[in-house]
Amino acid sequence: MKITESAEMYLETILVLSKQGDVRAIDIGRAMNFSRPTVSVAIHNLEKDGYIKISPEGNITLKASGLKIAETIYERHTVLTEILIQLGVSEKTASEDACKIEHDISQETFDCIKKHISNHRP
């Protein structure tokens, strides 16, 4: 099953927020600047598809399948941001552009970029 770019963004956001503590729907909404109803629908779908677990208290955690996707997208984001900054792009623009690229880039291209950046780190 192919996951949507939107679902990838939610999973990545949950991963990033989880590094700071418990994650609730309201935290996701604030981080992504989405309304409560929009987040509620997305979270329900992610739970139904087996990517996240919601505790009775409302805490959201990534299941193994969701964690794998989130870590992949987050790695792409950080590596692409780094290379764009090395090319002279401002940090803000690099992060925004990496966010757009991270969902569409092939694994082969990403692996080559990752190899290139690791061989040319200052």
PDB file of N, CA and C in Angstrom:
ATOM      1  N   MET A   1       0.841  -1.186   0.000  1.00  0.00           N
ATOM      2  CA  MET A   1       0.000   0.000   0.000  1.00  0.00           C
ATOM      3  C   MET A   1       0.885   1.248   0.000  1.00  0.00           C
ATOM      4  N   LYS A   2       0.608   2.159  -0.905  1.00  0.00           N
ATOM      5  CA  LYS A   2       1.367   3.413  -1.011  1.00  0.00           C
ATOM      6  C   LYS A   2       0.800   4.407  -0.007  1.00  0.00           C
ATOM      7  N   ILE A   3       1.675   5.007   0.767  1.00  0.00           N
ATOM      8  CA  ILE A   3       1.258   6.002   1.747  1.00  0.00           C
ATOM      9  C   ILE A   3       1.301   7.377   1.088  1.00  0.00           C
ATOM     10  N   THR A   4       0.388   8.237   1.465  1.00  0.00           N
ATOM     11  CA  THR A   4       0.317   9.568   0.872  1.00  0.00           C
ATOM     12  C   THR A   4       1.379  10.492   1.472  1.00  0.00           C
ATOM     13  N   GLU A   5       1.688  11.539   0.732  1.00  0.00           N
ATOM     14  CA  GLU A   5       2.636  12.547   1.232  1.00  0.00           C
ATOM     15  C   GLU A   5       2.124  13.158   2.529  1.00  0.00           C
ATOM     16  N   SER A   6       0.842  13.397   2.608  1.00  0.00           N
ATOM     17  CA  SER A   6       0.251  13.972   3.816  1.00  0.00           C
ATOM     18  C   SER A   6       0.470  13.049   5.022  1.00  0.00           C
ATOM     19  N   ALA A   7       0.237  11.762   4.827  1.00  0.00           N
ATOM     20  CA  ALA A   7       0.446  10.805   5.919  1.00  0.00           C
ATOM     21  C   ALA A   7       1.909  10.776   6.330  1.00  0.00           C
ATOM     22  N   GLU A   8       2.805  10.834   5.348  1.00  0.00           N
ATOM     23  CA  GLU A   8       4.239  10.888   5.672  1.00  0.00           C
ATOM     24  C   GLU A   8       4.559  12.106   6.526  1.00  0.00           C
ATOM     25  N   MET A   9       3.960  13.234   6.194  1.00  0.00           N
ATOM     26  CA  MET A   9       4.213  14.462   6.956  1.00  0.00           C
ATOM     27  C   MET A   9       3.717  14.314   8.403  1.00  0.00           C
ATOM     28  N   TYR A  10       2.547  13.725   8.575  1.00  0.00           N
ATOM     29  CA  TYR A  10       2.032  13.500   9.932  1.00  0.00           C
ATOM     30  C   TYR A  10       2.975  12.586  10.716  1.00  0.00           C
ATOM     31  N   LEU A  11       3.396  11.500  10.095  1.00  0.00           N
ATOM     32  CA  LEU A  11       4.284  10.570  10.796  1.00  0.00           C
ATOM     33  C   LEU A  11       5.611  11.233  11.155  1.00  0.00           C
ATOM     34  N   GLU A  12       6.163  12.010  10.244  1.00  0.00           N
ATOM     35  CA  GLU A  12       7.410  12.722  10.525  1.00  0.00           C
ATOM     36  C   GLU A  12       7.212  13.708  11.673  1.00  0.00           C
ATOM     37  N   THR A  13       6.100  14.419  11.660  1.00  0.00           N
ATOM     38  CA  THR A  13       5.804  15.379  12.729  1.00  0.00           C
ATOM     39  C   THR A  13       5.679  14.670  14.072  1.00  0.00           C
ATOM     40  N   ILE A  14       5.010  13.538  14.103  1.00  0.00           N
ATOM     41  CA  ILE A  14       4.877  12.763  15.343  1.00  0.00           C
ATOM     42  C   ILE A  14       6.256  12.341  15.843  1.00  0.00           C
ATOM     43  N   LEU A  15       7.122  11.896  14.937  1.00  0.00           N
ATOM     44  CA  LEU A  15       8.477  11.496  15.318  1.00  0.00           C
ATOM     45  C   LEU A  15       9.228  12.668  15.950  1.00  0.00           C
ATOM     46  N   VAL A  16       9.202  13.808  15.293  1.00  0.00           N
ATOM     47  CA  VAL A  16       9.922  14.982  15.801  1.00  0.00           C
ATOM     48  C   VAL A  16       9.356  15.409  17.152  1.00  0.00           C
ATOM     49  N   LEU A  17       8.041  15.468  17.274  1.00  0.00           N
ATOM     50  CA  LEU A  17       7.423  15.875  18.540  1.00  0.00           C
ATOM     51  C   LEU A  17       7.701  14.872  19.657  1.00  0.00           C
ATOM     52  N   SER A  18       7.779  13.589  19.306  1.00  0.00           N
ATOM     53  CA  SER A  18       8.004  12.562  20.333  1.00  0.00           C
ATOM     54  C   SER A  18       9.380  12.694  20.982  1.00  0.00           C
ATOM     55  N   LYS A  19      10.299  13.351  20.304  1.00  0.00           N
ATOM     56  CA  LYS A  19      11.628  13.569  20.883  1.00  0.00           C
ATOM     57  C   LYS A  19      11.577  14.578  22.023  1.00  0.00           C
ATOM     58  N   GLN A  20      10.457  15.328  22.104  1.00  0.00           N
ATOM     59  CA  GLN A  20      10.284  16.337  23.148  1.00  0.00           C
ATOM     60  C   GLN A  20       9.355  15.860  24.263  1.00  0.00           C
ATOM     61  N   GLY A  21       8.706  14.712  24.077  1.00  0.00           N
ATOM     62  CA  GLY A  21       7.799  14.197  25.097  1.00  0.00           C
ATOM     63  C   GLY A  21       6.569  13.576  24.475  1.00  0.00           C
ATOM     64  N   ASP A  22       5.486  13.508  25.276  1.00  0.00           N
ATOM     65  CA  ASP A  22       4.242  12.924  24.796  1.00  0.00           C
ATOM     66  C   ASP A  22       3.683  13.740  23.635  1.00  0.00           C
ATOM     67  N   VAL A  23       3.011  13.058  22.729  1.00  0.00           N
ATOM     68  CA  VAL A  23       2.429  13.702  21.550  1.00  0.00           C
ATOM     69  C   VAL A  23       0.916  13.526  21.595  1.00  0.00           C
ATOM     70  N   ARG A  24       0.205  14.644  21.469  1.00  0.00           N
ATOM     71  CA  ARG A  24      -1.253  14.618  21.390  1.00  0.00           C
ATOM     72  C   ARG A  24      -1.677  15.271  20.080  1.00  0.00           C
ATOM     73  N   ALA A  25      -2.912  15.064  19.701  1.00  0.00           N
ATOM     74  CA  ALA A  25      -3.420  15.631  18.447  1.00  0.00           C
ATOM     75  C   ALA A  25      -3.256  17.143  18.418  1.00  0.00           C
ATOM     76  N   ILE A  26      -3.474  17.794  19.524  1.00  0.00           N
ATOM     77  CA  ILE A  26      -3.352  19.253  19.571  1.00  0.00           C
ATOM     78  C   ILE A  26      -1.915  19.707  19.265  1.00  0.00           C
ATOM     79  N   ASP A  27      -0.940  18.912  19.720  1.00  0.00           N
ATOM     80  CA  ASP A  27       0.469  19.234  19.443  1.00  0.00           C
ATOM     81  C   ASP A  27       0.751  19.135  17.947  1.00  0.00           C
ATOM     82  N   ILE A  28       0.188  18.119  17.314  1.00  0.00           N
ATOM     83  CA  ILE A  28       0.375  17.925  15.879  1.00  0.00           C
ATOM     84  C   ILE A  28      -0.265  19.081  15.120  1.00  0.00           C
ATOM     85  N   GLY A  29      -1.468  19.454  15.519  1.00  0.00           N
ATOM     86  CA  GLY A  29      -2.155  20.572  14.887  1.00  0.00           C
ATOM     87  C   GLY A  29      -1.364  21.866  14.968  1.00  0.00           C
ATOM     88  N   ARG A  30      -0.811  22.124  16.129  1.00  0.00           N
ATOM     89  CA  ARG A  30       0.008  23.341  16.307  1.00  0.00           C
ATOM     90  C   ARG A  30       1.260  23.285  15.437  1.00  0.00           C
ATOM     91  N   ALA A  31       1.931  22.147  15.443  1.00  0.00           N
ATOM     92  CA  ALA A  31       3.184  22.012  14.689  1.00  0.00           C
ATOM     93  C   ALA A  31       2.960  22.135  13.188  1.00  0.00           C
ATOM     94  N   MET A  32       1.844  21.617  12.710  1.00  0.00           N
ATOM     95  CA  MET A  32       1.578  21.599  11.277  1.00  0.00           C
ATOM     96  C   MET A  32       0.664  22.749  10.833  1.00  0.00           C
ATOM     97  N   ASN A  33       0.157  23.501  11.832  1.00  0.00           N
ATOM     98  CA  ASN A  33      -0.755  24.615  11.567  1.00  0.00           C
ATOM     99  C   ASN A  33      -2.046  24.130  10.885  1.00  0.00           C
ATOM    100  N   PHE A  34      -2.588  23.023  11.407  1.00  0.00           N
ATOM    101  CA  PHE A  34      -3.823  22.451  10.896  1.00  0.00           C
ATOM    102  C   PHE A  34      -4.902  22.533  11.964  1.00  0.00           C
ATOM    103  N   SER A  35      -6.154  22.544  11.539  1.00  0.00           N
ATOM    104  CA  SER A  35      -7.280  22.603  12.472  1.00  0.00           C
ATOM    105  C   SER A  35      -7.455  21.264  13.191  1.00  0.00           C
ATOM    106  N   ARG A  36      -8.135  21.323  14.319  1.00  0.00           N
ATOM    107  CA  ARG A  36      -8.398  20.119  15.104  1.00  0.00           C
ATOM    108  C   ARG A  36      -9.160  19.061  14.296  1.00  0.00           C
ATOM    109  N   PRO A  37     -10.219  19.438  13.551  1.00  0.00           N
ATOM    110  CA  PRO A  37     -10.926  18.421  12.762  1.00  0.00           C
ATOM    111  C   PRO A  37     -10.049  17.769  11.681  1.00  0.00           C
ATOM    112  N   THR A  38      -9.198  18.557  11.038  1.00  0.00           N
ATOM    113  CA  THR A  38      -8.309  18.014  10.009  1.00  0.00           C
ATOM    114  C   THR A  38      -7.359  16.993  10.617  1.00  0.00           C
ATOM    115  N   VAL A  39      -6.770  17.349  11.746  1.00  0.00           N
ATOM    116  CA  VAL A  39      -5.836  16.445  12.432  1.00  0.00           C
ATOM    117  C   VAL A  39      -6.575  15.200  12.917  1.00  0.00           C
ATOM    118  N   SER A  40      -7.767  15.373  13.433  1.00  0.00           N
ATOM    119  CA  SER A  40      -8.546  14.244  13.947  1.00  0.00           C
ATOM    120  C   SER A  40      -8.795  13.201  12.860  1.00  0.00           C
ATOM    121  N   VAL A  41      -9.169  13.643  11.670  1.00  0.00           N
ATOM    122  CA  VAL A  41      -9.410  12.720  10.558  1.00  0.00           C
ATOM    123  C   VAL A  41      -8.120  12.002  10.175  1.00  0.00           C
ATOM    124  N   ALA A  42      -7.036  12.756  10.054  1.00  0.00           N
ATOM    125  CA  ALA A  42      -5.756  12.159   9.657  1.00  0.00           C
ATOM    126  C   ALA A  42      -5.278  11.148  10.697  1.00  0.00           C
ATOM    127  N   ILE A  43      -5.368  11.503  11.955  1.00  0.00           N
ATOM    128  CA  ILE A  43      -4.922  10.616  13.031  1.00  0.00           C
ATOM    129  C   ILE A  43      -5.768   9.335  13.034  1.00  0.00           C
ATOM    130  N   HIS A  44      -7.065   9.494  12.849  1.00  0.00           N
ATOM    131  CA  HIS A  44      -7.950   8.311  12.789  1.00  0.00           C
ATOM    132  C   HIS A  44      -7.509   7.388  11.650  1.00  0.00           C
ATOM    133  N   ASN A  45      -7.230   7.963  10.485  1.00  0.00           N
ATOM    134  CA  ASN A  45      -6.817   7.147   9.336  1.00  0.00           C
ATOM    135  C   ASN A  45      -5.468   6.468   9.583  1.00  0.00           C
ATOM    136  N   LEU A  46      -4.539   7.182  10.197  1.00  0.00           N
ATOM    137  CA  LEU A  46      -3.230   6.586  10.499  1.00  0.00           C
ATOM    138  C   LEU A  46      -3.369   5.443  11.496  1.00  0.00           C
ATOM    139  N   GLU A  47      -4.265   5.592  12.456  1.00  0.00           N
ATOM    140  CA  GLU A  47      -4.501   4.523  13.428  1.00  0.00           C
ATOM    141  C   GLU A  47      -5.160   3.327  12.736  1.00  0.00           C
ATOM    142  N   LYS A  48      -6.161   3.590  11.916  1.00  0.00           N
ATOM    143  CA  LYS A  48      -6.873   2.534  11.191  1.00  0.00           C
ATOM    144  C   LYS A  48      -5.921   1.754  10.281  1.00  0.00           C
ATOM    145  N   ASP A  49      -4.959   2.463   9.686  1.00  0.00           N
ATOM    146  CA  ASP A  49      -4.000   1.820   8.771  1.00  0.00           C
ATOM    147  C   ASP A  49      -2.830   1.161   9.509  1.00  0.00           C
ATOM    148  N   GLY A  50      -2.801   1.272  10.827  1.00  0.00           N
ATOM    149  CA  GLY A  50      -1.806   0.565  11.623  1.00  0.00           C
ATOM    150  C   GLY A  50      -0.470   1.265  11.773  1.00  0.00           C
ATOM    151  N   TYR A  51      -0.420   2.584  11.538  1.00  0.00           N
ATOM    152  CA  TYR A  51       0.837   3.325  11.651  1.00  0.00           C
ATOM    153  C   TYR A  51       1.068   3.927  13.031  1.00  0.00           C
ATOM    154  N   ILE A  52      -0.021   4.180  13.760  1.00  0.00           N
ATOM    155  CA  ILE A  52       0.101   4.794  15.083  1.00  0.00           C
ATOM    156  C   ILE A  52      -0.813   4.087  16.069  1.00  0.00           C
ATOM    157  N   LYS A  53      -0.559   4.365  17.342  1.00  0.00           N
ATOM    158  CA  LYS A  53      -1.403   3.870  18.428  1.00  0.00           C
ATOM    159  C   LYS A  53      -1.810   5.085  19.255  1.00  0.00           C
ATOM    160  N   ILE A  54      -3.053   5.130  19.655  1.00  0.00           N
ATOM    161  CA  ILE A  54      -3.543   6.218  20.499  1.00  0.00           C
ATOM    162  C   ILE A  54      -3.951   5.610  21.832  1.00  0.00           C
ATOM    163  N   SER A  55      -3.339   6.093  22.900  1.00  0.00           N
ATOM    164  CA  SER A  55      -3.642   5.578  24.235  1.00  0.00           C
ATOM    165  C   SER A  55      -4.998   6.135  24.698  1.00  0.00           C
ATOM    166  N   PRO A  56      -5.576   5.528  25.728  1.00  0.00           N
ATOM    167  CA  PRO A  56      -6.839   6.060  26.270  1.00  0.00           C
ATOM    168  C   PRO A  56      -6.710   7.522  26.728  1.00  0.00           C
ATOM    169  N   GLU A  57      -5.499   7.922  27.083  1.00  0.00           N
ATOM    170  CA  GLU A  57      -5.263   9.298  27.525  1.00  0.00           C
ATOM    171  C   GLU A  57      -5.065  10.262  26.350  1.00  0.00           C
ATOM    172  N   GLY A  58      -5.009   9.718  25.126  1.00  0.00           N
ATOM    173  CA  GLY A  58      -4.852  10.560  23.948  1.00  0.00           C
ATOM    174  C   GLY A  58      -3.422  10.733  23.474  1.00  0.00           C
ATOM    175  N   ASN A  59      -2.490  10.003  24.085  1.00  0.00           N
ATOM    176  CA  ASN A  59      -1.097  10.074  23.636  1.00  0.00           C
ATOM    177  C   ASN A  59      -0.921   9.236  22.369  1.00  0.00           C
ATOM    178  N   ILE A  60      -0.211   9.803  21.423  1.00  0.00           N
ATOM    179  CA  ILE A  60      -0.019   9.167  20.120  1.00  0.00           C
ATOM    180  C   ILE A  60       1.406   8.662  20.010  1.00  0.00           C
ATOM    181  N   THR A  61       1.549   7.398  19.667  1.00  0.00           N
ATOM    182  CA  THR A  61       2.877   6.823  19.465  1.00  0.00           C
ATOM    183  C   THR A  61       2.910   6.127  18.108  1.00  0.00           C
ATOM    184  N   LEU A  62       4.099   6.049  17.556  1.00  0.00           N
ATOM    185  CA  LEU A  62       4.294   5.392  16.267  1.00  0.00           C
ATOM    186  C   LEU A  62       4.434   3.887  16.475  1.00  0.00           C
ATOM    187  N   LYS A  63       3.725   3.110  15.675  1.00  0.00           N
ATOM    188  CA  LYS A  63       3.947   1.675  15.635  1.00  0.00           C
ATOM    189  C   LYS A  63       5.167   1.433  14.753  1.00  0.00           C
ATOM    190  N   ALA A  64       5.644   0.222  14.694  1.00  0.00           N
ATOM    191  CA  ALA A  64       6.865  -0.094  13.942  1.00  0.00           C
ATOM    192  C   ALA A  64       6.777   0.378  12.485  1.00  0.00           C
ATOM    193  N   SER A  65       5.647   0.127  11.831  1.00  0.00           N
ATOM    194  CA  SER A  65       5.516   0.527  10.428  1.00  0.00           C
ATOM    195  C   SER A  65       5.518   2.046  10.269  1.00  0.00           C
ATOM    196  N   GLY A  66       4.875   2.750  11.192  1.00  0.00           N
ATOM    197  CA  GLY A  66       4.863   4.211  11.159  1.00  0.00           C
ATOM    198  C   GLY A  66       6.219   4.795  11.478  1.00  0.00           C
ATOM    199  N   LEU A  67       6.919   4.173  12.428  1.00  0.00           N
ATOM    200  CA  LEU A  67       8.253   4.629  12.806  1.00  0.00           C
ATOM    201  C   LEU A  67       9.223   4.496  11.638  1.00  0.00           C
ATOM    202  N   LYS A  68       9.138   3.398  10.920  1.00  0.00           N
ATOM    203  CA  LYS A  68      10.031   3.184   9.777  1.00  0.00           C
ATOM    204  C   LYS A  68       9.842   4.279   8.726  1.00  0.00           C
ATOM    205  N   ILE A  69       8.601   4.578   8.407  1.00  0.00           N
ATOM    206  CA  ILE A  69       8.317   5.633   7.427  1.00  0.00           C
ATOM    207  C   ILE A  69       8.779   6.980   7.950  1.00  0.00           C
ATOM    208  N   ALA A  70       8.459   7.284   9.196  1.00  0.00           N
ATOM    209  CA  ALA A  70       8.826   8.576   9.785  1.00  0.00           C
ATOM    210  C   ALA A  70      10.341   8.770   9.792  1.00  0.00           C
ATOM    211  N   GLU A  71      11.077   7.736  10.170  1.00  0.00           N
ATOM    212  CA  GLU A  71      12.542   7.838  10.205  1.00  0.00           C
ATOM    213  C   GLU A  71      13.116   8.024   8.804  1.00  0.00           C
ATOM    214  N   THR A  72      12.526   7.356   7.819  1.00  0.00           N
ATOM    215  CA  THR A  72      12.981   7.503   6.430  1.00  0.00           C
ATOM    216  C   THR A  72      12.776   8.932   5.949  1.00  0.00           C
ATOM    217  N   ILE A  73      11.592   9.477   6.181  1.00  0.00           N
ATOM    218  CA  ILE A  73      11.293  10.838   5.727  1.00  0.00           C
ATOM    219  C   ILE A  73      12.143  11.850   6.489  1.00  0.00           C
ATOM    220  N   TYR A  74      12.314  11.642   7.782  1.00  0.00           N
ATOM    221  CA  TYR A  74      13.126  12.566   8.586  1.00  0.00           C
ATOM    222  C   TYR A  74      14.587  12.541   8.129  1.00  0.00           C
ATOM    223  N   GLU A  75      15.115  11.362   7.835  1.00  0.00           N
ATOM    224  CA  GLU A  75      16.491  11.276   7.345  1.00  0.00           C
ATOM    225  C   GLU A  75      16.617  12.007   6.016  1.00  0.00           C
ATOM    226  N   ARG A  76      15.680  11.799   5.139  1.00  0.00           N
ATOM    227  CA  ARG A  76      15.709  12.500   3.848  1.00  0.00           C
ATOM    228  C   ARG A  76      15.689  14.005   4.069  1.00  0.00           C
ATOM    229  N   HIS A  77      14.839  14.444   4.958  1.00  0.00           N
ATOM    230  CA  HIS A  77      14.735  15.880   5.226  1.00  0.00           C
ATOM    231  C   HIS A  77      16.058  16.452   5.728  1.00  0.00           C
ATOM    232  N   THR A  78      16.668  15.783   6.686  1.00  0.00           N
ATOM    233  CA  THR A  78      17.902  16.315   7.268  1.00  0.00           C
ATOM    234  C   THR A  78      19.059  16.280   6.278  1.00  0.00           C
ATOM    235  N   VAL A  79      19.180  15.205   5.514  1.00  0.00           N
ATOM    236  CA  VAL A  79      20.276  15.098   4.537  1.00  0.00           C
ATOM    237  C   VAL A  79      20.090  16.112   3.412  1.00  0.00           C
ATOM    238  N   LEU A  80      18.875  16.213   2.894  1.00  0.00           N
ATOM    239  CA  LEU A  80      18.622  17.168   1.813  1.00  0.00           C
ATOM    240  C   LEU A  80      18.818  18.606   2.288  1.00  0.00           C
ATOM    241  N   THR A  81      18.388  18.902   3.498  1.00  0.00           N
ATOM    242  CA  THR A  81      18.604  20.243   4.052  1.00  0.00           C
ATOM    243  C   THR A  81      20.096  20.533   4.138  1.00  0.00           C
ATOM    244  N   GLU A  82      20.850  19.563   4.630  1.00  0.00           N
ATOM    245  CA  GLU A  82      22.298  19.746   4.771  1.00  0.00           C
ATOM    246  C   GLU A  82      22.970  20.029   3.438  1.00  0.00           C
ATOM    247  N   ILE A  83      22.632  19.256   2.429  1.00  0.00           N
ATOM    248  CA  ILE A  83      23.299  19.457   1.131  1.00  0.00           C
ATOM    249  C   ILE A  83      22.893  20.790   0.507  1.00  0.00           C
ATOM    250  N   LEU A  84      21.634  21.183   0.671  1.00  0.00           N
ATOM    251  CA  LEU A  84      21.206  22.473   0.129  1.00  0.00           C
ATOM    252  C   LEU A  84      21.913  23.631   0.830  1.00  0.00           C
ATOM    253  N   ILE A  85      22.115  23.513   2.119  1.00  0.00           N
ATOM    254  CA  ILE A  85      22.860  24.541   2.859  1.00  0.00           C
ATOM    255  C   ILE A  85      24.300  24.595   2.366  1.00  0.00           C
ATOM    256  N   GLN A  86      24.907  23.419   2.147  1.00  0.00           N
ATOM    257  CA  GLN A  86      26.278  23.382   1.630  1.00  0.00           C
ATOM    258  C   GLN A  86      26.379  24.035   0.259  1.00  0.00           C
ATOM    259  N   LEU A  87      25.302  23.985  -0.504  1.00  0.00           N
ATOM    260  CA  LEU A  87      25.289  24.614  -1.829  1.00  0.00           C
ATOM    261  C   LEU A  87      25.088  26.127  -1.751  1.00  0.00           C
ATOM    262  N   GLY A  88      24.809  26.633  -0.556  1.00  0.00           N
ATOM    263  CA  GLY A  88      24.664  28.073  -0.374  1.00  0.00           C
ATOM    264  C   GLY A  88      23.246  28.546  -0.152  1.00  0.00           C
ATOM    265  N   VAL A  89      22.300  27.627  -0.073  1.00  0.00           N
ATOM    266  CA  VAL A  89      20.905  27.985   0.177  1.00  0.00           C
ATOM    267  C   VAL A  89      20.757  28.348   1.653  1.00  0.00           C
ATOM    268  N   SER A  90      19.939  29.364   1.959  1.00  0.00           N
ATOM    269  CA  SER A  90      19.713  29.743   3.355  1.00  0.00           C
ATOM    270  C   SER A  90      19.076  28.578   4.108  1.00  0.00           C
ATOM    271  N   GLU A  91      19.291  28.533   5.407  1.00  0.00           N
ATOM    272  CA  GLU A  91      18.791  27.424   6.224  1.00  0.00           C
ATOM    273  C   GLU A  91      17.275  27.288   6.114  1.00  0.00           C
ATOM    274  N   LYS A  92      16.553  28.393   6.183  1.00  0.00           N
ATOM    275  CA  LYS A  92      15.094  28.371   6.116  1.00  0.00           C
ATOM    276  C   LYS A  92      14.616  27.824   4.767  1.00  0.00           C
ATOM    277  N   THR A  93      15.166  28.344   3.691  1.00  0.00           N
ATOM    278  CA  THR A  93      14.772  27.896   2.355  1.00  0.00           C
ATOM    279  C   THR A  93      15.181  26.445   2.136  1.00  0.00           C
ATOM    280  N   ALA A  94      16.359  26.074   2.603  1.00  0.00           N
ATOM    281  CA  ALA A  94      16.836  24.697   2.453  1.00  0.00           C
ATOM    282  C   ALA A  94      15.875  23.724   3.126  1.00  0.00           C
ATOM    283  N   SER A  95      15.428  24.056   4.322  1.00  0.00           N
ATOM    284  CA  SER A  95      14.505  23.190   5.046  1.00  0.00           C
ATOM    285  C   SER A  95      13.156  23.108   4.332  1.00  0.00           C
ATOM    286  N   GLU A  96      12.658  24.235   3.851  1.00  0.00           N
ATOM    287  CA  GLU A  96      11.379  24.244   3.135  1.00  0.00           C
ATOM    288  C   GLU A  96      11.465  23.436   1.845  1.00  0.00           C
ATOM    289  N   ASP A  97      12.558  23.620   1.093  1.00  0.00           N
ATOM    290  CA  ASP A  97      12.717  22.883  -0.162  1.00  0.00           C
ATOM    291  C   ASP A  97      12.930  21.390   0.087  1.00  0.00           C
ATOM    292  N   ALA A  98      13.685  21.061   1.120  1.00  0.00           N
ATOM    293  CA  ALA A  98      13.899  19.649   1.457  1.00  0.00           C
ATOM    294  C   ALA A  98      12.572  18.974   1.768  1.00  0.00           C
ATOM    295  N   CYS A  99      11.680  19.706   2.418  1.00  0.00           N
ATOM    296  CA  CYS A  99      10.364  19.175   2.761  1.00  0.00           C
ATOM    297  C   CYS A  99       9.571  18.830   1.509  1.00  0.00           C
ATOM    298  N   LYS A 100       9.754  19.602   0.470  1.00  0.00           N
ATOM    299  CA  LYS A 100       9.053  19.334  -0.787  1.00  0.00           C
ATOM    300  C   LYS A 100       9.674  18.151  -1.525  1.00  0.00           C
ATOM    301  N   ILE A 101      10.987  18.062  -1.493  1.00  0.00           N
ATOM    302  CA  ILE A 101      11.720  17.041  -2.250  1.00  0.00           C
ATOM    303  C   ILE A 101      11.646  15.668  -1.586  1.00  0.00           C
ATOM    304  N   GLU A 102      11.650  15.627  -0.265  1.00  0.00           N
ATOM    305  CA  GLU A 102      11.800  14.379   0.489  1.00  0.00           C
ATOM    306  C   GLU A 102      10.750  13.322   0.149  1.00  0.00           C
ATOM    307  N   HIS A 103       9.600  13.732  -0.321  1.00  0.00           N
ATOM    308  CA  HIS A 103       8.521  12.781  -0.597  1.00  0.00           C
ATOM    309  C   HIS A 103       8.573  12.197  -2.003  1.00  0.00           C
ATOM    310  N   ASP A 104       9.244  12.892  -2.911  1.00  0.00           N
ATOM    311  CA  ASP A 104       9.210  12.493  -4.316  1.00  0.00           C
ATOM    312  C   ASP A 104      10.504  11.891  -4.837  1.00  0.00           C
ATOM    313  N   ILE A 105      11.580  12.081  -4.125  1.00  0.00           N
ATOM    314  CA  ILE A 105      12.886  11.622  -4.600  1.00  0.00           C
ATOM    315  C   ILE A 105      12.963  10.095  -4.547  1.00  0.00           C
ATOM    316  N   SER A 106      13.575   9.499  -5.550  1.00  0.00           N
ATOM    317  CA  SER A 106      13.712   8.038  -5.558  1.00  0.00           C
ATOM    318  C   SER A 106      14.743   7.606  -4.517  1.00  0.00           C
ATOM    319  N   GLN A 107      14.639   6.368  -4.100  1.00  0.00           N
ATOM    320  CA  GLN A 107      15.605   5.840  -3.135  1.00  0.00           C
ATOM    321  C   GLN A 107      17.003   5.822  -3.738  1.00  0.00           C
ATOM    322  N   GLU A 108      17.100   5.477  -5.025  1.00  0.00           N
ATOM    323  CA  GLU A 108      18.401   5.445  -5.695  1.00  0.00           C
ATOM    324  C   GLU A 108      19.067   6.829  -5.675  1.00  0.00           C
ATOM    325  N   THR A 109      18.321   7.851  -6.036  1.00  0.00           N
ATOM    326  CA  THR A 109      18.870   9.211  -6.043  1.00  0.00           C
ATOM    327  C   THR A 109      19.250   9.639  -4.636  1.00  0.00           C
ATOM    328  N   PHE A 110      18.378   9.348  -3.669  1.00  0.00           N
ATOM    329  CA  PHE A 110      18.688   9.732  -2.293  1.00  0.00           C
ATOM    330  C   PHE A 110      19.948   9.032  -1.798  1.00  0.00           C
ATOM    331  N   ASP A 111      20.089   7.749  -2.092  1.00  0.00           N
ATOM    332  CA  ASP A 111      21.283   7.011  -1.671  1.00  0.00           C
ATOM    333  C   ASP A 111      22.554   7.628  -2.265  1.00  0.00           C
ATOM    334  N   CYS A 112      22.480   8.053  -3.523  1.00  0.00           N
ATOM    335  CA  CYS A 112      23.643   8.689  -4.165  1.00  0.00           C
ATOM    336  C   CYS A 112      23.958  10.041  -3.524  1.00  0.00           C
ATOM    337  N   ILE A 113      22.924  10.808  -3.203  1.00  0.00           N
ATOM    338  CA  ILE A 113      23.126  12.099  -2.525  1.00  0.00           C
ATOM    339  C   ILE A 113      23.749  11.867  -1.161  1.00  0.00           C
ATOM    340  N   LYS A 114      23.236  10.890  -0.445  1.00  0.00           N
ATOM    341  CA  LYS A 114      23.755  10.580   0.895  1.00  0.00           C
ATOM    342  C   LYS A 114      25.219  10.151   0.820  1.00  0.00           C
ATOM    343  N   LYS A 115      25.555   9.336  -0.166  1.00  0.00           N
ATOM    344  CA  LYS A 115      26.937   8.904  -0.352  1.00  0.00           C
ATOM    345  C   LYS A 115      27.823  10.105  -0.691  1.00  0.00           C
ATOM    346  N   HIS A 116      27.349  10.954  -1.580  1.00  0.00           N
ATOM    347  CA  HIS A 116      28.107  12.140  -1.987  1.00  0.00           C
ATOM    348  C   HIS A 116      28.377  13.064  -0.799  1.00  0.00           C
ATOM    349  N   ILE A 117      27.353  13.300  -0.021  1.00  0.00           N
ATOM    350  CA  ILE A 117      27.500  14.222   1.111  1.00  0.00           C
ATOM    351  C   ILE A 117      28.442  13.642   2.159  1.00  0.00           C
ATOM    352  N   SER A 118      28.383  12.338   2.374  1.00  0.00           N
ATOM    353  CA  SER A 118      29.285  11.738   3.363  1.00  0.00           C
ATOM    354  C   SER A 118      30.741  11.768   2.903  1.00  0.00           C
ATOM    355  N   ASN A 119      30.957  11.760   1.596  1.00  0.00           N
ATOM    356  CA  ASN A 119      32.318  11.840   1.048  1.00  0.00           C
ATOM    357  C   ASN A 119      32.850  13.259   0.956  1.00  0.00           C
ATOM    358  N   HIS A 120      31.967  14.250   1.112  1.00  0.00           N
ATOM    359  CA  HIS A 120      32.382  15.645   0.926  1.00  0.00           C
ATOM    360  C   HIS A 120      32.022  16.534   2.104  1.00  0.00           C
ATOM    361  N   ARG A 121      31.887  15.944   3.259  1.00  0.00           N
ATOM    362  CA  ARG A 121      31.617  16.765   4.459  1.00  0.00           C
ATOM    363  C   ARG A 121      32.876  17.556   4.795  1.00  0.00           C
ATOM    364  N   PRO A 122      32.670  18.814   5.176  1.00  0.00           N
ATOM    365  CA  PRO A 122      33.865  19.634   5.528  1.00  0.00           C
ATOM    366  C   PRO A 122      34.557  19.140   6.785  1.00  0.00           C
TER     367      PRO A 122
END
